[in-house]
């Protein structure tokens, strides 16, 4: 499986792209970037993931399970989880910094790491042994690549 991953294409899509926002579509994490040629680049994350800066987890996929204080039983449906609050704060920071991706790596078991300055790192961890899509990197209206490759 890992030999089929198009690491070069994934790296080409993301390198130089400016990190724009972190959000979600239901329980799928979505990280959006502005590509070097103005295209929209996205990472769709269906496996566990986190965004780290200087060794501190800023937001993680498990944060979607926890409501913000006082949000009530419909917190997830109303986008009032800890994930949503932390993503909003991170988005404000990204809007100020406009950091560009400087490194991308894909491990043999599908681990995806995307870094941008200052010291930000997106880490995705596939945890399913079956043919279930863990993540994909795509250009809106263009190429899609992900893990496992035969599910994208």
C-alpha atoms as a PDB file:
ATOM      1  CA  UNK A   1       0.000   0.000   0.000  1.00  0.00           C
ATOM      2  CA  UNK A   2       2.610   2.579   1.064  1.00  0.00           C
ATOM      3  CA  UNK A   3       4.570   2.203  -2.192  1.00  0.00           C
ATOM      4  CA  UNK A   4       1.547   3.540  -4.070  1.00  0.00           C
ATOM      5  CA  UNK A   5       1.350   6.803  -2.118  1.00  0.00           C
ATOM      6  CA  UNK A   6       2.095   9.742  -4.417  1.00  0.00           C
ATOM      7  CA  UNK A   7       4.370  11.534  -1.947  1.00  0.00           C
ATOM      8  CA  UNK A   8       5.929  13.744  -4.628  1.00  0.00           C
ATOM      9  CA  UNK A   9       2.557  14.994  -5.809  1.00  0.00           C
ATOM     10  CA  UNK A  10       1.322  15.570  -2.248  1.00  0.00           C
ATOM     11  CA  UNK A  11       4.500  17.502  -1.445  1.00  0.00           C
ATOM     12  CA  UNK A  12       4.183  19.568  -4.644  1.00  0.00           C
ATOM     13  CA  UNK A  13       0.558  20.451  -3.855  1.00  0.00           C
ATOM     14  CA  UNK A  14       1.297  21.621  -0.306  1.00  0.00           C
ATOM     15  CA  UNK A  15       4.798  23.132  -0.392  1.00  0.00           C
ATOM     16  CA  UNK A  16       4.606  26.910  -0.474  1.00  0.00           C
ATOM     17  CA  UNK A  17       0.855  26.951   0.200  1.00  0.00           C
ATOM     18  CA  UNK A  18      -0.235  29.441   2.871  1.00  0.00           C
ATOM     19  CA  UNK A  19      -2.118  27.957   5.839  1.00  0.00           C
ATOM     20  CA  UNK A  20      -5.487  29.745   5.887  1.00  0.00           C
ATOM     21  CA  UNK A  21      -7.940  27.957   8.185  1.00  0.00           C
ATOM     22  CA  UNK A  22      -8.793  24.958  10.315  1.00  0.00           C
ATOM     23  CA  UNK A  23     -12.361  23.733  10.578  1.00  0.00           C
ATOM     24  CA  UNK A  24     -14.554  20.708  10.137  1.00  0.00           C
ATOM     25  CA  UNK A  25     -17.248  19.188   7.969  1.00  0.00           C
ATOM     26  CA  UNK A  26     -19.290  17.152  10.458  1.00  0.00           C
ATOM     27  CA  UNK A  27     -16.491  15.114  12.141  1.00  0.00           C
ATOM     28  CA  UNK A  28     -13.895  15.415   9.346  1.00  0.00           C
ATOM     29  CA  UNK A  29     -11.129  17.906   9.987  1.00  0.00           C
ATOM     30  CA  UNK A  30     -10.525  20.378   7.170  1.00  0.00           C
ATOM     31  CA  UNK A  31      -7.353  22.437   6.844  1.00  0.00           C
ATOM     32  CA  UNK A  32      -7.403  24.945   3.990  1.00  0.00           C
ATOM     33  CA  UNK A  33      -4.443  26.543   2.274  1.00  0.00           C
ATOM     34  CA  UNK A  34      -3.989  29.139  -0.449  1.00  0.00           C
ATOM     35  CA  UNK A  35      -1.791  27.535  -3.112  1.00  0.00           C
ATOM     36  CA  UNK A  36       1.124  29.385  -4.705  1.00  0.00           C
ATOM     37  CA  UNK A  37      -0.909  30.004  -7.886  1.00  0.00           C
ATOM     38  CA  UNK A  38      -4.027  31.130  -5.980  1.00  0.00           C
ATOM     39  CA  UNK A  39      -5.702  27.717  -5.976  1.00  0.00           C
ATOM     40  CA  UNK A  40      -7.499  26.356  -2.918  1.00  0.00           C
ATOM     41  CA  UNK A  41      -5.631  23.402  -1.389  1.00  0.00           C
ATOM     42  CA  UNK A  42      -7.206  21.310   1.350  1.00  0.00           C
ATOM     43  CA  UNK A  43      -6.380  18.482   3.700  1.00  0.00           C
ATOM     44  CA  UNK A  44      -9.414  16.391   4.640  1.00  0.00           C
ATOM     45  CA  UNK A  45      -8.691  14.436   7.812  1.00  0.00           C
ATOM     46  CA  UNK A  46     -10.889  11.489   8.744  1.00  0.00           C
ATOM     47  CA  UNK A  47      -8.353   9.879  11.068  1.00  0.00           C
ATOM     48  CA  UNK A  48      -7.031  11.222  14.385  1.00  0.00           C
ATOM     49  CA  UNK A  49      -4.993  14.404  13.898  1.00  0.00           C
ATOM     50  CA  UNK A  50      -3.630  17.381  15.746  1.00  0.00           C
ATOM     51  CA  UNK A  51      -1.982  20.724  15.125  1.00  0.00           C
ATOM     52  CA  UNK A  52       1.025  21.388  17.313  1.00  0.00           C
ATOM     53  CA  UNK A  53       3.194  24.448  17.855  1.00  0.00           C
ATOM     54  CA  UNK A  54       6.444  24.253  19.808  1.00  0.00           C
ATOM     55  CA  UNK A  55       5.385  20.997  21.472  1.00  0.00           C
ATOM     56  CA  UNK A  56       1.935  22.252  22.503  1.00  0.00           C
ATOM     57  CA  UNK A  57      -1.193  20.726  21.005  1.00  0.00           C
ATOM     58  CA  UNK A  58      -3.293  23.667  19.808  1.00  0.00           C
ATOM     59  CA  UNK A  59      -6.223  21.616  18.527  1.00  0.00           C
ATOM     60  CA  UNK A  60      -6.860  17.911  18.088  1.00  0.00           C
ATOM     61  CA  UNK A  61      -9.544  15.800  16.500  1.00  0.00           C
ATOM     62  CA  UNK A  62     -10.701  14.493  19.895  1.00  0.00           C
ATOM     63  CA  UNK A  63     -11.603  18.080  20.865  1.00  0.00           C
ATOM     64  CA  UNK A  64     -14.739  17.639  18.708  1.00  0.00           C
ATOM     65  CA  UNK A  65     -16.166  15.359  21.431  1.00  0.00           C
ATOM     66  CA  UNK A  66     -16.204  18.013  24.121  1.00  0.00           C
ATOM     67  CA  UNK A  67     -18.726  20.878  24.302  1.00  0.00           C
ATOM     68  CA  UNK A  68     -17.675  24.390  25.151  1.00  0.00           C
ATOM     69  CA  UNK A  69     -18.769  25.452  28.624  1.00  0.00           C
ATOM     70  CA  UNK A  70     -22.534  25.991  28.602  1.00  0.00           C
ATOM     71  CA  UNK A  71     -22.977  24.781  25.004  1.00  0.00           C
ATOM     72  CA  UNK A  72     -25.465  22.044  25.854  1.00  0.00           C
ATOM     73  CA  UNK A  73     -26.318  18.740  24.223  1.00  0.00           C
ATOM     74  CA  UNK A  74     -26.332  20.103  20.650  1.00  0.00           C
ATOM     75  CA  UNK A  75     -22.814  21.528  20.874  1.00  0.00           C
ATOM     76  CA  UNK A  76     -21.473  19.316  18.081  1.00  0.00           C
ATOM     77  CA  UNK A  77     -24.321  20.139  15.681  1.00  0.00           C
ATOM     78  CA  UNK A  78     -24.097  23.843  16.510  1.00  0.00           C
ATOM     79  CA  UNK A  79     -20.289  23.994  16.091  1.00  0.00           C
ATOM     80  CA  UNK A  80     -19.818  24.831  19.761  1.00  0.00           C
ATOM     81  CA  UNK A  81     -17.221  22.235  20.713  1.00  0.00           C
ATOM     82  CA  UNK A  82     -13.763  22.805  22.154  1.00  0.00           C
ATOM     83  CA  UNK A  83     -12.462  22.015  18.641  1.00  0.00           C
ATOM     84  CA  UNK A  84     -14.543  24.814  17.122  1.00  0.00           C
ATOM     85  CA  UNK A  85     -13.407  27.370  19.715  1.00  0.00           C
ATOM     86  CA  UNK A  86      -9.719  26.467  19.409  1.00  0.00           C
ATOM     87  CA  UNK A  87      -9.945  26.414  15.609  1.00  0.00           C
ATOM     88  CA  UNK A  88     -11.399  29.932  15.634  1.00  0.00           C
ATOM     89  CA  UNK A  89      -8.473  31.186  17.731  1.00  0.00           C
ATOM     90  CA  UNK A  90      -5.977  29.398  15.489  1.00  0.00           C
ATOM     91  CA  UNK A  91      -7.627  30.863  12.386  1.00  0.00           C
ATOM     92  CA  UNK A  92      -7.142  34.374  13.742  1.00  0.00           C
ATOM     93  CA  UNK A  93      -3.442  33.625  14.243  1.00  0.00           C
ATOM     94  CA  UNK A  94      -3.106  32.113  10.756  1.00  0.00           C
ATOM     95  CA  UNK A  95      -4.816  35.172   9.280  1.00  0.00           C
ATOM     96  CA  UNK A  96      -2.206  37.421  10.895  1.00  0.00           C
ATOM     97  CA  UNK A  97       0.852  35.283  10.154  1.00  0.00           C
ATOM     98  CA  UNK A  98      -0.064  33.870   6.711  1.00  0.00           C
ATOM     99  CA  UNK A  99       2.531  31.088   7.167  1.00  0.00           C
ATOM    100  CA  UNK A 100       3.665  29.019   4.178  1.00  0.00           C
ATOM    101  CA  UNK A 101       4.175  25.248   4.244  1.00  0.00           C
ATOM    102  CA  UNK A 102       7.868  24.440   4.238  1.00  0.00           C
ATOM    103  CA  UNK A 103       7.893  20.648   4.644  1.00  0.00           C
ATOM    104  CA  UNK A 104       5.665  17.644   4.000  1.00  0.00           C
ATOM    105  CA  UNK A 105       6.280  14.016   4.873  1.00  0.00           C
ATOM    106  CA  UNK A 106       4.268  10.836   4.530  1.00  0.00           C
ATOM    107  CA  UNK A 107       5.270   7.768   6.532  1.00  0.00           C
ATOM    108  CA  UNK A 108       5.115   4.168   5.384  1.00  0.00           C
ATOM    109  CA  UNK A 109       1.887   3.577   7.341  1.00  0.00           C
ATOM    110  CA  UNK A 110       0.285   6.789   6.050  1.00  0.00           C
ATOM    111  CA  UNK A 111       1.321   9.232   8.769  1.00  0.00           C
ATOM    112  CA  UNK A 112       1.041  12.730   7.292  1.00  0.00           C
ATOM    113  CA  UNK A 113       3.075  15.644   8.659  1.00  0.00           C
ATOM    114  CA  UNK A 114       2.824  19.166   7.246  1.00  0.00           C
ATOM    115  CA  UNK A 115       4.923  21.945   8.788  1.00  0.00           C
ATOM    116  CA  UNK A 116       4.798  25.699   8.492  1.00  0.00           C
ATOM    117  CA  UNK A 117       6.534  28.477  10.391  1.00  0.00           C
ATOM    118  CA  UNK A 118       6.701  29.461  13.146  1.00  0.00           C
ATOM    119  CA  UNK A 119       6.982  25.879  14.376  1.00  0.00           C
ATOM    120  CA  UNK A 120       3.456  24.699  13.415  1.00  0.00           C
ATOM    121  CA  UNK A 121       2.919  21.054  12.537  1.00  0.00           C
ATOM    122  CA  UNK A 122      -0.163  19.195  11.327  1.00  0.00           C
ATOM    123  CA  UNK A 123       0.065  15.495  12.187  1.00  0.00           C
ATOM    124  CA  UNK A 124      -2.419  12.885  10.955  1.00  0.00           C
ATOM    125  CA  UNK A 125      -2.353   9.292  12.248  1.00  0.00           C
ATOM    126  CA  UNK A 126      -4.244   6.606  10.305  1.00  0.00           C
ATOM    127  CA  UNK A 127      -5.531   4.027  12.813  1.00  0.00           C
ATOM    128  CA  UNK A 128      -7.692   1.702  10.711  1.00  0.00           C
ATOM    129  CA  UNK A 129      -6.301  -1.559   9.296  1.00  0.00           C
ATOM    130  CA  UNK A 130      -8.926  -1.769   6.557  1.00  0.00           C
ATOM    131  CA  UNK A 131      -9.459   0.069   3.281  1.00  0.00           C
ATOM    132  CA  UNK A 132     -11.054   3.155   4.869  1.00  0.00           C
ATOM    133  CA  UNK A 133      -9.901   6.607   3.780  1.00  0.00           C
ATOM    134  CA  UNK A 134      -7.836   8.230   6.540  1.00  0.00           C
ATOM    135  CA  UNK A 135      -6.919  11.512   4.837  1.00  0.00           C
ATOM    136  CA  UNK A 136      -6.628  13.218   1.478  1.00  0.00           C
ATOM    137  CA  UNK A 137      -4.843  16.263   0.137  1.00  0.00           C
ATOM    138  CA  UNK A 138      -6.518  17.954  -2.792  1.00  0.00           C
ATOM    139  CA  UNK A 139      -6.615  20.944  -5.043  1.00  0.00           C
ATOM    140  CA  UNK A 140     -10.211  22.143  -5.416  1.00  0.00           C
ATOM    141  CA  UNK A 141     -11.257  21.067  -8.907  1.00  0.00           C
ATOM    142  CA  UNK A 142      -7.991  19.169  -9.387  1.00  0.00           C
ATOM    143  CA  UNK A 143      -5.851  16.327  -8.117  1.00  0.00           C
ATOM    144  CA  UNK A 144      -6.745  14.264  -5.021  1.00  0.00           C
ATOM    145  CA  UNK A 145      -4.163  12.097  -3.217  1.00  0.00           C
ATOM    146  CA  UNK A 146      -4.469  10.305   0.096  1.00  0.00           C
ATOM    147  CA  UNK A 147      -4.148   7.258   2.272  1.00  0.00           C
ATOM    148  CA  UNK A 148      -4.755   4.457   1.634  1.00  0.00           C
ATOM    149  CA  UNK A 149      -4.205   5.386  -2.016  1.00  0.00           C
ATOM    150  CA  UNK A 150      -6.785   2.954  -3.384  1.00  0.00           C
ATOM    151  CA  UNK A 151      -9.574   4.626  -1.361  1.00  0.00           C
ATOM    152  CA  UNK A 152      -9.113   8.093  -2.845  1.00  0.00           C
END
